[in-house]
Amino acid sequence: MRNGFVKGIMVGGIVAASVGLMMNSEMMMSGRTKKKMMRGGRNLLRKSGHIISDVADLFR
């Protein structure tokens, strides 16, 4: 359960950051830039998932 909670927090943070950047009217991004950001977020989540679960196990 904790592993899913931590991953949910990570996904929520990434989604909130991307929505915040997209809502910013001063920074008009191309579709290519948006795709790069989303791909980077997914890669970050994939790579850090195991590390986060290990850290959560340390606090148990």
Protein backbone atom coordinates (compact mmCIF):
# COMPACT_ATOMS: atom_id res chain seq x y z
CA MET A 1 0.00 0.00 0.00
CA ARG A 2 2.78 2.41 0.85
CA ASN A 3 4.57 1.73 -2.40
CA GLY A 4 1.45 2.75 -4.35
CA PHE A 5 1.02 5.83 -2.18
CA VAL A 6 4.55 7.04 -2.82
CA LYS A 7 4.23 6.44 -6.56
CA GLY A 8 0.93 8.33 -6.51
CA ILE A 9 2.64 11.28 -4.84
CA MET A 10 5.34 11.23 -7.53
CA VAL A 11 2.80 11.06 -10.37
CA GLY A 12 0.76 13.85 -8.80
CA GLY A 13 3.83 16.05 -8.50
CA ILE A 14 4.83 15.48 -12.12
CA VAL A 15 1.29 16.12 -13.37
CA ALA A 16 0.97 19.27 -11.27
CA ALA A 17 4.30 20.60 -12.55
CA SER A 18 3.38 19.93 -16.19
CA VAL A 19 -0.06 21.50 -15.83
CA GLY A 20 1.50 24.53 -14.15
CA LEU A 21 3.94 24.95 -17.02
CA MET A 22 1.22 24.50 -19.63
CA MET A 23 -1.05 27.04 -17.93
CA ASN A 24 1.70 29.65 -17.92
CA SER A 25 0.69 31.99 -20.73
CA GLU A 26 4.10 33.67 -20.97
CA MET A 27 5.79 30.45 -21.99
CA MET A 28 4.13 29.21 -25.18
CA MET A 29 5.56 25.79 -25.94
CA SER A 30 5.48 23.80 -29.12
CA GLY A 31 4.00 20.32 -29.22
CA ARG A 32 7.49 18.91 -29.49
CA THR A 33 8.55 20.52 -26.21
CA LYS A 34 5.44 19.22 -24.44
CA LYS A 35 6.15 15.69 -25.65
CA LYS A 36 9.74 15.91 -24.42
CA MET A 37 8.55 17.06 -20.99
CA MET A 38 6.03 14.23 -20.70
CA ARG A 39 8.57 11.63 -21.86
CA GLY A 40 11.09 12.95 -19.33
CA GLY A 41 8.51 12.74 -16.55
CA ARG A 42 7.66 9.16 -17.43
CA ASN A 43 11.31 8.17 -17.56
CA LEU A 44 11.94 9.83 -14.21
CA LEU A 45 9.04 7.97 -12.63
CA ARG A 46 10.17 4.66 -14.10
CA LYS A 47 13.76 5.07 -12.89
CA SER A 48 12.93 6.40 -9.45
CA GLY A 49 10.13 3.96 -8.61
CA HIS A 50 12.42 1.32 -7.15
CA ILE A 51 14.54 3.85 -5.28
CA ILE A 52 11.46 5.41 -3.68
CA SER A 53 10.13 2.02 -2.60
CA ASP A 54 13.49 1.18 -1.02
CA VAL A 55 13.50 4.46 0.90
CA ALA A 56 9.92 3.84 2.04
CA ASP A 57 10.96 0.39 3.27
CA LEU A 58 13.71 1.97 5.36
CA PHE A 59 11.15 4.05 7.27
CA ARG A 60 8.95 1.05 8.11
